[in-house]
Amino acid sequence: MRRTRTVAAAAAVLTVLLTGCSAAASAEGQTASVTVGVMPGADLAPLYVGIKDGIFAEHGIDVTVHSLAATTADIVRAVDEGRYDIGYADIISILAAQENGSELQIVSGAADTSGDARADYAGIVTAASDIDDVSDLTGRKVAVDTLGTTNEVVVRAAVDAAGGNSSTMTLEAIPFINARKAIEGGMVTAALMVEPYLTAARLDGLRIISHPYAEFDEKLTVSGYFTSTATASERSDVVESFVAALAESFEAAESNDNAVRTNISTFLSSDARVRTRLILPAFSTEIDRDAAQALADSALEYGLIARAPDLGALLP
C-alpha cells in the first residue's frame, strides 16, 4: 500500500497563506511562464497530471518542462544560472551544490519512498546467479544513474547494512534507461533502477535484491523541487503559485491512481503491462526532516559532502 502524507501544509510553504486565486493569477487573464528542469521518471507523474488537468493554468502558471538534462547536476547548474526557474533533483545533489556555493532553496518535497521494503519504486536489480542478497555486491561493479547523489548513498548503505563492504564496490554512472543493457552485457553485476524501468526488468526475469529507499528510511524523501534564492526573491509570487498548484497536483495524483498510470505514457515510453504493475512513490510536498538528516549524515560519512549541511536553511 502506498504511504500518503497530507499536503495541507503546502499552504504554508514560503511562509504565505494562499487563498482563492493564486498570486500569479491575481491579475485577470495574466499568466506567468515557468521553466522546470527534470529527468524523466514515474515520480514526475503529478507534475504532468497537473499540467494536463489545467491545475497550473488555474493558478496562472504556464509550465514548460525541459527533460533533456543528462544528470541532476546539469539541472542544478541550470537553476543556479537562471536558465530554469524550478528544478527537480534528489536531496543530496541539492545539498552538494549548496556546499559548492550555489544559492538554492527547496520549495517542495516530491517523491517519497512507499515505505515498503518489499515493494518500492526503486530497486537494485541483478541477473547474476551468484548474487543471493545485496551484501554479495561487495567488490562488484554496480550502476547508479549519477554518482554523488542520493542513489549512491542508499546503494552503499544497503550493502553495508546487509553486512557487505560498499567501499570495495565500483560504482558506474549509467542512465536508468541503459542500466538493463549494462547488466545483460556484463558491464555491471547489478544496477539501481526506478520505475518504470524497474518493473520492466522484473517482468523480463531480472531479480530485485533490495529496495534501498525504503530500507534506508521508511519516510525518506528522495527528491524535491527547488529554485535559486534569486528566483525565490525576485519572483516570489510565481514560486508561491507554482507550489500551490503542485500541492493540488499531488492531491489529484494520490486520489486517482489510474490517471497517474495512464499519464506516464505521455512522457515516458512504457507499455500497459508495466504501467499497471509498477510501484508508485508516495507523493508529498512535505519532507521528513529526521530522514533528511540521516541521509545527510550518510552522505557525509561516504564523502559525498564535506561538511554537515544547514538543513534548516535549505528545507521549506
C-alpha atoms as a PDB file:
ATOM      1  CA  MET A   1       0.000   0.000   0.000  1.00  0.00           C
ATOM      2  CA  ARG A   2       1.286   3.427  -0.859  1.00  0.00           C
ATOM      3  CA  ARG A   3       2.016   5.692   2.088  1.00  0.00           C
ATOM      4  CA  THR A   4       0.292   9.074   1.807  1.00  0.00           C
ATOM      5  CA  ARG A   5       1.117  12.193   3.801  1.00  0.00           C
ATOM      6  CA  THR A   6      -1.156  15.198   3.835  1.00  0.00           C
ATOM      7  CA  VAL A   7      -0.346  18.111   1.567  1.00  0.00           C
ATOM      8  CA  ALA A   8      -2.280  20.590   3.697  1.00  0.00           C
ATOM      9  CA  ALA A   9       0.987  22.022   4.975  1.00  0.00           C
ATOM     10  CA  ALA A  10       1.806  23.172   1.458  1.00  0.00           C
ATOM     11  CA  ALA A  11      -0.305  26.249   2.059  1.00  0.00           C
ATOM     12  CA  ALA A  12       2.390  27.444   4.408  1.00  0.00           C
ATOM     13  CA  VAL A  13       5.288  26.928   2.007  1.00  0.00           C
ATOM     14  CA  LEU A  14       7.460  30.030   1.745  1.00  0.00           C
ATOM     15  CA  THR A  15       5.529  31.350   4.763  1.00  0.00           C
ATOM     16  CA  VAL A  16       2.488  32.513   2.838  1.00  0.00           C
ATOM     17  CA  LEU A  17      -1.151  31.552   3.132  1.00  0.00           C
ATOM     18  CA  LEU A  18      -2.681  31.118  -0.287  1.00  0.00           C
ATOM     19  CA  THR A  19      -6.441  31.563  -0.533  1.00  0.00           C
ATOM     20  CA  GLY A  20      -8.732  31.924  -3.524  1.00  0.00           C
ATOM     21  CA  CYS A  21      -6.823  32.751  -6.681  1.00  0.00           C
ATOM     22  CA  SER A  22      -3.066  32.364  -6.575  1.00  0.00           C
ATOM     23  CA  ALA A  23      -0.684  35.298  -6.583  1.00  0.00           C
ATOM     24  CA  ALA A  24       0.449  34.756 -10.162  1.00  0.00           C
ATOM     25  CA  ALA A  25      -3.138  34.857 -11.389  1.00  0.00           C
ATOM     26  CA  SER A  26      -4.230  37.849  -9.338  1.00  0.00           C
ATOM     27  CA  ALA A  27      -4.468  39.974 -12.454  1.00  0.00           C
ATOM     28  CA  GLU A  28      -7.297  38.738 -14.652  1.00  0.00           C
ATOM     29  CA  GLY A  29      -6.039  36.783 -17.636  1.00  0.00           C
ATOM     30  CA  GLN A  30      -2.400  37.177 -16.682  1.00  0.00           C
ATOM     31  CA  THR A  31      -0.120  34.136 -16.733  1.00  0.00           C
ATOM     32  CA  ALA A  32       3.485  33.635 -15.715  1.00  0.00           C
ATOM     33  CA  SER A  33       5.857  31.361 -17.604  1.00  0.00           C
ATOM     34  CA  VAL A  34       7.821  28.874 -15.518  1.00  0.00           C
ATOM     35  CA  THR A  35      10.528  26.565 -16.851  1.00  0.00           C
ATOM     36  CA  VAL A  36      11.066  23.324 -14.947  1.00  0.00           C
ATOM     37  CA  GLY A  37      14.127  21.117 -15.426  1.00  0.00           C
ATOM     38  CA  VAL A  38      13.652  17.391 -14.824  1.00  0.00           C
ATOM     39  CA  MET A  39      14.996  13.949 -15.640  1.00  0.00           C
ATOM     40  CA  PRO A  40      12.138  11.656 -16.740  1.00  0.00           C
ATOM     41  CA  GLY A  41      10.795   9.118 -14.248  1.00  0.00           C
ATOM     42  CA  ALA A  42       7.476   7.839 -12.915  1.00  0.00           C
ATOM     43  CA  ASP A  43       7.965  10.052  -9.849  1.00  0.00           C
ATOM     44  CA  LEU A  44       7.210  13.097 -12.048  1.00  0.00           C
ATOM     45  CA  ALA A  45       3.655  11.959 -12.737  1.00  0.00           C
ATOM     46  CA  PRO A  46       1.933  14.605 -10.543  1.00  0.00           C
ATOM     47  CA  LEU A  47       3.642  17.442 -12.419  1.00  0.00           C
ATOM     48  CA  TYR A  48       2.334  16.161 -15.732  1.00  0.00           C
ATOM     49  CA  VAL A  49      -1.112  15.408 -14.272  1.00  0.00           C
ATOM     50  CA  GLY A  50      -1.295  18.995 -13.023  1.00  0.00           C
ATOM     51  CA  ILE A  51      -0.328  20.359 -16.421  1.00  0.00           C
ATOM     52  CA  LYS A  52      -2.753  18.092 -18.291  1.00  0.00           C
ATOM     53  CA  ASP A  53      -5.655  18.794 -15.926  1.00  0.00           C
ATOM     54  CA  GLY A  54      -5.138  22.562 -16.068  1.00  0.00           C
ATOM     55  CA  ILE A  55      -4.224  22.913 -12.396  1.00  0.00           C
ATOM     56  CA  PHE A  56      -1.184  25.062 -13.096  1.00  0.00           C
ATOM     57  CA  ALA A  57      -3.151  27.152 -15.585  1.00  0.00           C
ATOM     58  CA  GLU A  58      -5.782  27.815 -12.907  1.00  0.00           C
ATOM     59  CA  HIS A  59      -3.003  29.263 -10.769  1.00  0.00           C
ATOM     60  CA  GLY A  60      -1.794  31.472 -13.586  1.00  0.00           C
ATOM     61  CA  ILE A  61       1.241  29.328 -14.380  1.00  0.00           C
ATOM     62  CA  ASP A  62       2.298  28.312 -17.892  1.00  0.00           C
ATOM     63  CA  VAL A  63       4.743  25.430 -17.346  1.00  0.00           C
ATOM     64  CA  THR A  64       7.416  24.418 -19.816  1.00  0.00           C
ATOM     65  CA  VAL A  65       9.177  21.171 -18.902  1.00  0.00           C
ATOM     66  CA  HIS A  66      12.767  20.605 -20.005  1.00  0.00           C
ATOM     67  CA  SER A  67      13.732  16.926 -19.765  1.00  0.00           C
ATOM     68  CA  LEU A  68      16.954  16.668 -21.762  1.00  0.00           C
ATOM     69  CA  ALA A  69      19.425  17.107 -18.893  1.00  0.00           C
ATOM     70  CA  ALA A  70      21.919  14.241 -18.681  1.00  0.00           C
ATOM     71  CA  THR A  71      22.370  14.453 -14.903  1.00  0.00           C
ATOM     72  CA  THR A  72      20.816  16.103 -11.880  1.00  0.00           C
ATOM     73  CA  ALA A  73      23.979  18.223 -11.671  1.00  0.00           C
ATOM     74  CA  ASP A  74      23.034  19.720 -15.045  1.00  0.00           C
ATOM     75  CA  ILE A  75      19.610  20.668 -13.675  1.00  0.00           C
ATOM     76  CA  VAL A  76      21.098  22.190 -10.530  1.00  0.00           C
ATOM     77  CA  ARG A  77      23.538  24.204 -12.618  1.00  0.00           C
ATOM     78  CA  ALA A  78      20.796  25.473 -14.919  1.00  0.00           C
ATOM     79  CA  VAL A  79      18.677  26.625 -11.973  1.00  0.00           C
ATOM     80  CA  ASP A  80      21.650  28.260 -10.291  1.00  0.00           C
ATOM     81  CA  GLU A  81      22.469  30.127 -13.515  1.00  0.00           C
ATOM     82  CA  GLY A  82      18.856  31.226 -14.021  1.00  0.00           C
ATOM     83  CA  ARG A  83      18.212  29.168 -17.152  1.00  0.00           C
ATOM     84  CA  TYR A  84      15.466  27.203 -15.361  1.00  0.00           C
ATOM     85  CA  ASP A  85      13.100  28.718 -12.801  1.00  0.00           C
ATOM     86  CA  ILE A  86      12.483  25.440 -10.994  1.00  0.00           C
ATOM     87  CA  GLY A  87      14.458  22.230 -10.865  1.00  0.00           C
ATOM     88  CA  TYR A  88      13.680  18.679  -9.824  1.00  0.00           C
ATOM     89  CA  ALA A  89      16.519  16.740  -8.203  1.00  0.00           C
ATOM     90  CA  ASP A  90      17.458  14.413  -5.402  1.00  0.00           C
ATOM     91  CA  ILE A  91      18.177  15.890  -1.999  1.00  0.00           C
ATOM     92  CA  ILE A  92      21.912  15.103  -1.924  1.00  0.00           C
ATOM     93  CA  SER A  93      22.556  16.736  -5.310  1.00  0.00           C
ATOM     94  CA  ILE A  94      20.987  19.915  -3.963  1.00  0.00           C
ATOM     95  CA  LEU A  95      22.978  19.735  -0.703  1.00  0.00           C
ATOM     96  CA  ALA A  96      26.240  19.188  -2.597  1.00  0.00           C
ATOM     97  CA  ALA A  97      25.543  22.124  -4.904  1.00  0.00           C
ATOM     98  CA  GLN A  98      24.790  24.371  -1.942  1.00  0.00           C
ATOM     99  CA  GLU A  99      28.063  23.315  -0.315  1.00  0.00           C
ATOM    100  CA  ASN A 100      29.872  24.278  -3.525  1.00  0.00           C
ATOM    101  CA  GLY A 101      28.455  27.785  -3.450  1.00  0.00           C
ATOM    102  CA  SER A 102      25.116  27.533  -5.252  1.00  0.00           C
ATOM    103  CA  GLU A 103      22.400  29.531  -3.519  1.00  0.00           C
ATOM    104  CA  LEU A 104      19.410  27.215  -3.678  1.00  0.00           C
ATOM    105  CA  GLN A 105      16.175  26.713  -1.787  1.00  0.00           C
ATOM    106  CA  ILE A 106      13.963  23.631  -1.778  1.00  0.00           C
ATOM    107  CA  VAL A 107      10.353  24.753  -2.190  1.00  0.00           C
ATOM    108  CA  SER A 108       8.582  21.394  -2.039  1.00  0.00           C
ATOM    109  CA  GLY A 109       9.078  17.726  -1.448  1.00  0.00           C
ATOM    110  CA  ALA A 110       8.092  15.497  -4.328  1.00  0.00           C
ATOM    111  CA  ALA A 111       8.673  11.754  -4.242  1.00  0.00           C
ATOM    112  CA  ASP A 112       8.933   9.678  -1.085  1.00  0.00           C
ATOM    113  CA  THR A 113       9.641   6.010  -0.693  1.00  0.00           C
ATOM    114  CA  SER A 114       6.481   3.928  -0.412  1.00  0.00           C
ATOM    115  CA  GLY A 115       7.864   2.830   2.939  1.00  0.00           C
ATOM    116  CA  ASP A 116       7.602  -0.846   1.982  1.00  0.00           C
ATOM    117  CA  ALA A 117      10.996  -2.574   1.841  1.00  0.00           C
ATOM    118  CA  ARG A 118       9.383  -5.407  -0.136  1.00  0.00           C
ATOM    119  CA  ALA A 119       7.821  -3.265  -2.868  1.00  0.00           C
ATOM    120  CA  ASP A 120       9.100   0.218  -3.617  1.00  0.00           C
ATOM    121  CA  TYR A 121       9.570   2.324  -6.737  1.00  0.00           C
ATOM    122  CA  ALA A 122      13.348   1.828  -6.768  1.00  0.00           C
ATOM    123  CA  GLY A 123      15.287  -1.402  -6.530  1.00  0.00           C
ATOM    124  CA  ILE A 124      18.710  -2.918  -7.007  1.00  0.00           C
ATOM    125  CA  VAL A 125      18.443  -5.420  -9.846  1.00  0.00           C
ATOM    126  CA  THR A 126      20.709  -8.251 -10.986  1.00  0.00           C
ATOM    127  CA  ALA A 127      20.753 -11.206 -13.364  1.00  0.00           C
ATOM    128  CA  ALA A 128      23.757 -12.878 -11.738  1.00  0.00           C
ATOM    129  CA  SER A 129      23.039 -16.318 -10.289  1.00  0.00           C
ATOM    130  CA  ASP A 130      25.797 -15.987  -7.680  1.00  0.00           C
ATOM    131  CA  ILE A 131      24.211 -12.924  -6.047  1.00  0.00           C
ATOM    132  CA  ASP A 132      21.941 -14.081  -3.226  1.00  0.00           C
ATOM    133  CA  ASP A 133      21.479 -10.752  -1.492  1.00  0.00           C
ATOM    134  CA  VAL A 134      22.740  -7.196  -1.654  1.00  0.00           C
ATOM    135  CA  SER A 135      25.759  -7.918   0.564  1.00  0.00           C
ATOM    136  CA  ASP A 136      27.149 -10.045  -2.274  1.00  0.00           C
ATOM    137  CA  LEU A 137      27.766  -6.853  -4.250  1.00  0.00           C
ATOM    138  CA  THR A 138      30.913  -6.355  -2.188  1.00  0.00           C
ATOM    139  CA  GLY A 139      33.769  -5.986  -4.672  1.00  0.00           C
ATOM    140  CA  ARG A 140      31.432  -5.867  -7.691  1.00  0.00           C
ATOM    141  CA  LYS A 141      30.571  -3.239 -10.287  1.00  0.00           C
ATOM    142  CA  VAL A 142      27.197  -1.601  -9.666  1.00  0.00           C
ATOM    143  CA  ALA A 143      25.410   1.021 -11.763  1.00  0.00           C
ATOM    144  CA  VAL A 144      23.690   4.127 -10.454  1.00  0.00           C
ATOM    145  CA  ASP A 145      22.279   6.814 -12.700  1.00  0.00           C
ATOM    146  CA  THR A 146      24.590   9.546 -11.393  1.00  0.00           C
ATOM    147  CA  LEU A 147      27.464   9.472  -8.935  1.00  0.00           C
ATOM    148  CA  GLY A 148      27.432  11.691  -5.866  1.00  0.00           C
ATOM    149  CA  THR A 149      23.666  11.574  -5.398  1.00  0.00           C
ATOM    150  CA  THR A 150      21.065  10.150  -3.040  1.00  0.00           C
ATOM    151  CA  ASN A 151      21.132   6.989  -5.128  1.00  0.00           C
ATOM    152  CA  GLU A 152      24.816   6.434  -4.392  1.00  0.00           C
ATOM    153  CA  VAL A 153      24.177   6.942  -0.674  1.00  0.00           C
ATOM    154  CA  VAL A 154      21.307   4.453  -0.436  1.00  0.00           C
ATOM    155  CA  VAL A 155      23.060   1.792  -2.520  1.00  0.00           C
ATOM    156  CA  ARG A 156      26.154   1.987  -0.330  1.00  0.00           C
ATOM    157  CA  ALA A 157      24.021   1.995   2.815  1.00  0.00           C
ATOM    158  CA  ALA A 158      22.055  -1.065   1.668  1.00  0.00           C
ATOM    159  CA  VAL A 159      25.218  -3.074   1.030  1.00  0.00           C
ATOM    160  CA  ASP A 160      26.794  -2.052   4.337  1.00  0.00           C
ATOM    161  CA  ALA A 161      23.610  -2.666   6.341  1.00  0.00           C
ATOM    162  CA  ALA A 162      23.408  -6.189   4.909  1.00  0.00           C
ATOM    163  CA  GLY A 163      26.924  -6.969   6.121  1.00  0.00           C
ATOM    164  CA  GLY A 164      28.814  -6.176   2.924  1.00  0.00           C
ATOM    165  CA  ASN A 165      31.519  -3.599   2.288  1.00  0.00           C
ATOM    166  CA  SER A 166      30.465  -0.844  -0.075  1.00  0.00           C
ATOM    167  CA  SER A 167      33.940   0.689  -0.120  1.00  0.00           C
ATOM    168  CA  THR A 168      35.103  -2.189  -2.311  1.00  0.00           C
ATOM    169  CA  MET A 169      32.349  -1.714  -4.898  1.00  0.00           C
ATOM    170  CA  THR A 170      32.989   0.078  -8.159  1.00  0.00           C
ATOM    171  CA  LEU A 171      30.096   2.388  -8.963  1.00  0.00           C
ATOM    172  CA  GLU A 172      29.439   3.144 -12.630  1.00  0.00           C
ATOM    173  CA  ALA A 173      27.345   6.123 -13.793  1.00  0.00           C
ATOM    174  CA  ILE A 174      24.825   4.620 -16.218  1.00  0.00           C
ATOM    175  CA  PRO A 175      21.415   6.190 -17.001  1.00  0.00           C
ATOM    176  CA  PHE A 176      18.398   4.182 -15.893  1.00  0.00           C
ATOM    177  CA  ILE A 177      17.327   3.630 -19.484  1.00  0.00           C
ATOM    178  CA  ASN A 178      20.642   1.880 -20.220  1.00  0.00           C
ATOM    179  CA  ALA A 179      21.067   0.018 -16.921  1.00  0.00           C
ATOM    180  CA  ARG A 180      19.411  -3.199 -18.036  1.00  0.00           C
ATOM    181  CA  LYS A 181      21.646  -3.498 -21.097  1.00  0.00           C
ATOM    182  CA  ALA A 182      24.650  -2.878 -18.873  1.00  0.00           C
ATOM    183  CA  ILE A 183      23.640  -5.829 -16.681  1.00  0.00           C
ATOM    184  CA  GLU A 184      22.853  -8.131 -19.578  1.00  0.00           C
ATOM    185  CA  GLY A 185      26.064  -7.143 -21.356  1.00  0.00           C
ATOM    186  CA  GLY A 186      28.194  -7.881 -18.315  1.00  0.00           C
ATOM    187  CA  MET A 187      29.348  -4.288 -17.801  1.00  0.00           C
ATOM    188  CA  VAL A 188      27.999  -4.352 -14.231  1.00  0.00           C
ATOM    189  CA  THR A 189      26.745  -7.021 -11.859  1.00  0.00           C
ATOM    190  CA  ALA A 190      23.763  -5.013 -10.651  1.00  0.00           C
ATOM    191  CA  ALA A 191      22.082  -1.662 -11.080  1.00  0.00           C
ATOM    192  CA  LEU A 192      19.779   0.649  -9.217  1.00  0.00           C
ATOM    193  CA  MET A 193      16.606   1.193 -11.237  1.00  0.00           C
ATOM    194  CA  VAL A 194      13.494   3.273 -10.685  1.00  0.00           C
ATOM    195  CA  GLU A 195      10.054   2.882 -12.207  1.00  0.00           C
ATOM    196  CA  PRO A 196       9.067   2.142 -14.916  1.00  0.00           C
ATOM    197  CA  TYR A 197      12.442   0.551 -15.722  1.00  0.00           C
ATOM    198  CA  LEU A 198      12.342  -1.496 -12.520  1.00  0.00           C
ATOM    199  CA  THR A 199       9.094  -3.299 -13.280  1.00  0.00           C
ATOM    200  CA  ALA A 200      10.061  -3.808 -16.934  1.00  0.00           C
ATOM    201  CA  ALA A 201      13.262  -5.521 -15.816  1.00  0.00           C
ATOM    202  CA  ARG A 202      11.440  -7.659 -13.239  1.00  0.00           C
ATOM    203  CA  LEU A 203       8.814  -8.813 -15.732  1.00  0.00           C
ATOM    204  CA  ASP A 204      11.589  -9.881 -18.083  1.00  0.00           C
ATOM    205  CA  GLY A 205      13.254 -12.060 -15.489  1.00  0.00           C
ATOM    206  CA  LEU A 206      15.781  -9.912 -13.651  1.00  0.00           C
ATOM    207  CA  ARG A 207      15.790 -10.170  -9.860  1.00  0.00           C
ATOM    208  CA  ILE A 208      15.303  -7.381  -7.335  1.00  0.00           C
ATOM    209  CA  ILE A 209      17.601  -7.933  -4.363  1.00  0.00           C
ATOM    210  CA  SER A 210      16.999  -4.701  -2.453  1.00  0.00           C
ATOM    211  CA  HIS A 211      14.641  -1.738  -2.207  1.00  0.00           C
ATOM    212  CA  PRO A 212      17.213   0.731  -0.854  1.00  0.00           C
ATOM    213  CA  TYR A 213      14.998   3.811  -0.426  1.00  0.00           C
ATOM    214  CA  ALA A 214      12.590   2.057   1.927  1.00  0.00           C
ATOM    215  CA  GLU A 215      15.400   0.140   3.617  1.00  0.00           C
ATOM    216  CA  PHE A 216      17.242   3.384   4.362  1.00  0.00           C
ATOM    217  CA  ASP A 217      14.243   5.067   5.995  1.00  0.00           C
ATOM    218  CA  GLU A 218      10.548   4.361   5.559  1.00  0.00           C
ATOM    219  CA  LYS A 219       9.877   8.119   5.475  1.00  0.00           C
ATOM    220  CA  LEU A 220      12.695   9.082   3.121  1.00  0.00           C
ATOM    221  CA  THR A 221      12.039  11.973   0.765  1.00  0.00           C
ATOM    222  CA  VAL A 222      14.088  11.114  -2.296  1.00  0.00           C
ATOM    223  CA  SER A 223      13.611  14.213  -4.417  1.00  0.00           C
ATOM    224  CA  GLY A 224      12.167  17.683  -4.379  1.00  0.00           C
ATOM    225  CA  TYR A 225      11.511  20.832  -6.361  1.00  0.00           C
ATOM    226  CA  PHE A 226      13.920  23.697  -5.813  1.00  0.00           C
ATOM    227  CA  THR A 227      14.778  27.143  -7.083  1.00  0.00           C
ATOM    228  CA  SER A 228      17.574  29.667  -6.712  1.00  0.00           C
ATOM    229  CA  THR A 229      17.379  32.131  -3.859  1.00  0.00           C
ATOM    230  CA  ALA A 230      17.387  34.885  -6.502  1.00  0.00           C
ATOM    231  CA  THR A 231      14.282  33.482  -8.210  1.00  0.00           C
ATOM    232  CA  ALA A 232      12.589  32.872  -4.849  1.00  0.00           C
ATOM    233  CA  SER A 233      13.124  36.560  -4.050  1.00  0.00           C
ATOM    234  CA  GLU A 234      12.541  38.200  -7.425  1.00  0.00           C
ATOM    235  CA  ARG A 235       9.582  36.017  -8.479  1.00  0.00           C
ATOM    236  CA  SER A 236       8.206  35.088  -5.072  1.00  0.00           C
ATOM    237  CA  ASP A 237       4.569  35.314  -6.178  1.00  0.00           C
ATOM    238  CA  VAL A 238       5.225  32.969  -9.105  1.00  0.00           C
ATOM    239  CA  VAL A 239       7.080  30.466  -6.926  1.00  0.00           C
ATOM    240  CA  GLU A 240       4.252  30.571  -4.375  1.00  0.00           C
ATOM    241  CA  SER A 241       1.690  29.893  -7.082  1.00  0.00           C
ATOM    242  CA  PHE A 242       3.765  27.070  -8.544  1.00  0.00           C
ATOM    243  CA  VAL A 243       3.990  25.376  -5.135  1.00  0.00           C
ATOM    244  CA  ALA A 244       0.245  25.781  -4.543  1.00  0.00           C
ATOM    245  CA  ALA A 245      -0.511  24.248  -7.952  1.00  0.00           C
ATOM    246  CA  LEU A 246       1.967  21.463  -7.260  1.00  0.00           C
ATOM    247  CA  ALA A 247       0.224  20.638  -3.975  1.00  0.00           C
ATOM    248  CA  GLU A 248      -3.116  20.339  -5.789  1.00  0.00           C
ATOM    249  CA  SER A 249      -1.451  18.170  -8.428  1.00  0.00           C
ATOM    250  CA  PHE A 250      -0.161  15.841  -5.705  1.00  0.00           C
ATOM    251  CA  GLU A 251      -3.665  15.570  -4.284  1.00  0.00           C
ATOM    252  CA  ALA A 252      -5.026  14.768  -7.744  1.00  0.00           C
ATOM    253  CA  ALA A 253      -2.349  12.119  -8.269  1.00  0.00           C
ATOM    254  CA  GLU A 254      -2.931  10.498  -4.885  1.00  0.00           C
ATOM    255  CA  SER A 255      -6.689  10.351  -5.440  1.00  0.00           C
ATOM    256  CA  ASN A 256      -6.599   8.877  -8.949  1.00  0.00           C
ATOM    257  CA  ASP A 257      -4.065   6.086  -9.280  1.00  0.00           C
ATOM    258  CA  ASN A 258      -5.326   5.069 -12.724  1.00  0.00           C
ATOM    259  CA  ALA A 259      -4.915   8.584 -14.127  1.00  0.00           C
ATOM    260  CA  VAL A 260      -1.319   8.654 -12.910  1.00  0.00           C
ATOM    261  CA  ARG A 261      -0.504   5.323 -14.538  1.00  0.00           C
ATOM    262  CA  THR A 262      -2.168   6.292 -17.797  1.00  0.00           C
ATOM    263  CA  ASN A 263      -0.455   9.670 -17.828  1.00  0.00           C
ATOM    264  CA  ILE A 264       3.028   8.140 -17.506  1.00  0.00           C
ATOM    265  CA  SER A 265       2.898   7.084 -21.160  1.00  0.00           C
ATOM    266  CA  THR A 266       2.728  10.747 -22.214  1.00  0.00           C
ATOM    267  CA  PHE A 267       6.276  11.455 -21.006  1.00  0.00           C
ATOM    268  CA  LEU A 268       7.912   8.020 -20.727  1.00  0.00           C
ATOM    269  CA  SER A 269       7.990   5.024 -23.035  1.00  0.00           C
ATOM    270  CA  SER A 270       6.248   2.195 -21.193  1.00  0.00           C
ATOM    271  CA  ASP A 271       3.752  -0.469 -22.218  1.00  0.00           C
ATOM    272  CA  ALA A 272       0.486  -1.307 -20.474  1.00  0.00           C
ATOM    273  CA  ARG A 273       1.793  -4.410 -18.718  1.00  0.00           C
ATOM    274  CA  VAL A 274       4.411  -2.269 -16.997  1.00  0.00           C
ATOM    275  CA  ARG A 275       2.149   0.693 -16.184  1.00  0.00           C
ATOM    276  CA  THR A 276      -0.450  -1.495 -14.488  1.00  0.00           C
ATOM    277  CA  ARG A 277       2.136  -3.244 -12.314  1.00  0.00           C
ATOM    278  CA  LEU A 278       4.708  -0.599 -11.420  1.00  0.00           C
ATOM    279  CA  ILE A 279       5.057   0.736  -7.886  1.00  0.00           C
ATOM    280  CA  LEU A 280       4.406   4.432  -7.484  1.00  0.00           C
ATOM    281  CA  PRO A 281       6.121   6.661  -4.926  1.00  0.00           C
ATOM    282  CA  ALA A 282       4.233   8.419  -2.186  1.00  0.00           C
ATOM    283  CA  PHE A 283       3.688  11.963  -3.462  1.00  0.00           C
ATOM    284  CA  SER A 284       4.023  14.655  -0.819  1.00  0.00           C
ATOM    285  CA  THR A 285       5.060  18.281  -0.535  1.00  0.00           C
ATOM    286  CA  GLU A 286       6.406  17.591   2.935  1.00  0.00           C
ATOM    287  CA  ILE A 287       9.960  16.482   3.708  1.00  0.00           C
ATOM    288  CA  ASP A 288      10.635  14.310   6.736  1.00  0.00           C
ATOM    289  CA  ARG A 289      13.452  16.144   8.499  1.00  0.00           C
ATOM    290  CA  ASP A 290      14.709  13.180  10.510  1.00  0.00           C
ATOM    291  CA  ALA A 291      15.061  11.096   7.348  1.00  0.00           C
ATOM    292  CA  ALA A 292      16.703  14.032   5.562  1.00  0.00           C
ATOM    293  CA  GLN A 293      19.169  14.413   8.422  1.00  0.00           C
ATOM    294  CA  ALA A 294      20.013  10.707   8.321  1.00  0.00           C
ATOM    295  CA  LEU A 295      20.574  10.979   4.569  1.00  0.00           C
ATOM    296  CA  ALA A 296      22.862  13.981   5.013  1.00  0.00           C
ATOM    297  CA  ASP A 297      24.793  12.186   7.765  1.00  0.00           C
ATOM    298  CA  SER A 298      25.352   9.198   5.487  1.00  0.00           C
ATOM    299  CA  ALA A 299      26.399  11.429   2.600  1.00  0.00           C
ATOM    300  CA  LEU A 300      28.978  12.979   4.904  1.00  0.00           C
ATOM    301  CA  GLU A 301      30.172   9.547   6.024  1.00  0.00           C
ATOM    302  CA  TYR A 302      30.585   8.362   2.425  1.00  0.00           C
ATOM    303  CA  GLY A 303      32.373  11.531   1.390  1.00  0.00           C
ATOM    304  CA  LEU A 304      29.728  12.929  -0.954  1.00  0.00           C
ATOM    305  CA  ILE A 305      29.676  16.169   1.022  1.00  0.00           C
ATOM    306  CA  ALA A 306      32.500  17.655   3.068  1.00  0.00           C
ATOM    307  CA  ARG A 307      30.611  19.188   5.979  1.00  0.00           C
ATOM    308  CA  ALA A 308      27.295  18.883   7.774  1.00  0.00           C
ATOM    309  CA  PRO A 309      24.700  20.995   5.939  1.00  0.00           C
ATOM    310  CA  ASP A 310      22.319  23.517   7.435  1.00  0.00           C
ATOM    311  CA  LEU A 311      19.085  21.707   6.594  1.00  0.00           C
ATOM    312  CA  GLY A 312      17.029  24.358   8.338  1.00  0.00           C
ATOM    313  CA  ALA A 313      18.170  26.955   5.810  1.00  0.00           C
ATOM    314  CA  LEU A 314      17.556  24.696   2.818  1.00  0.00           C
ATOM    315  CA  LEU A 315      14.306  22.887   3.542  1.00  0.00           C
ATOM    316  CA  PRO A 316      10.868  24.562   3.324  1.00  0.00           C
END
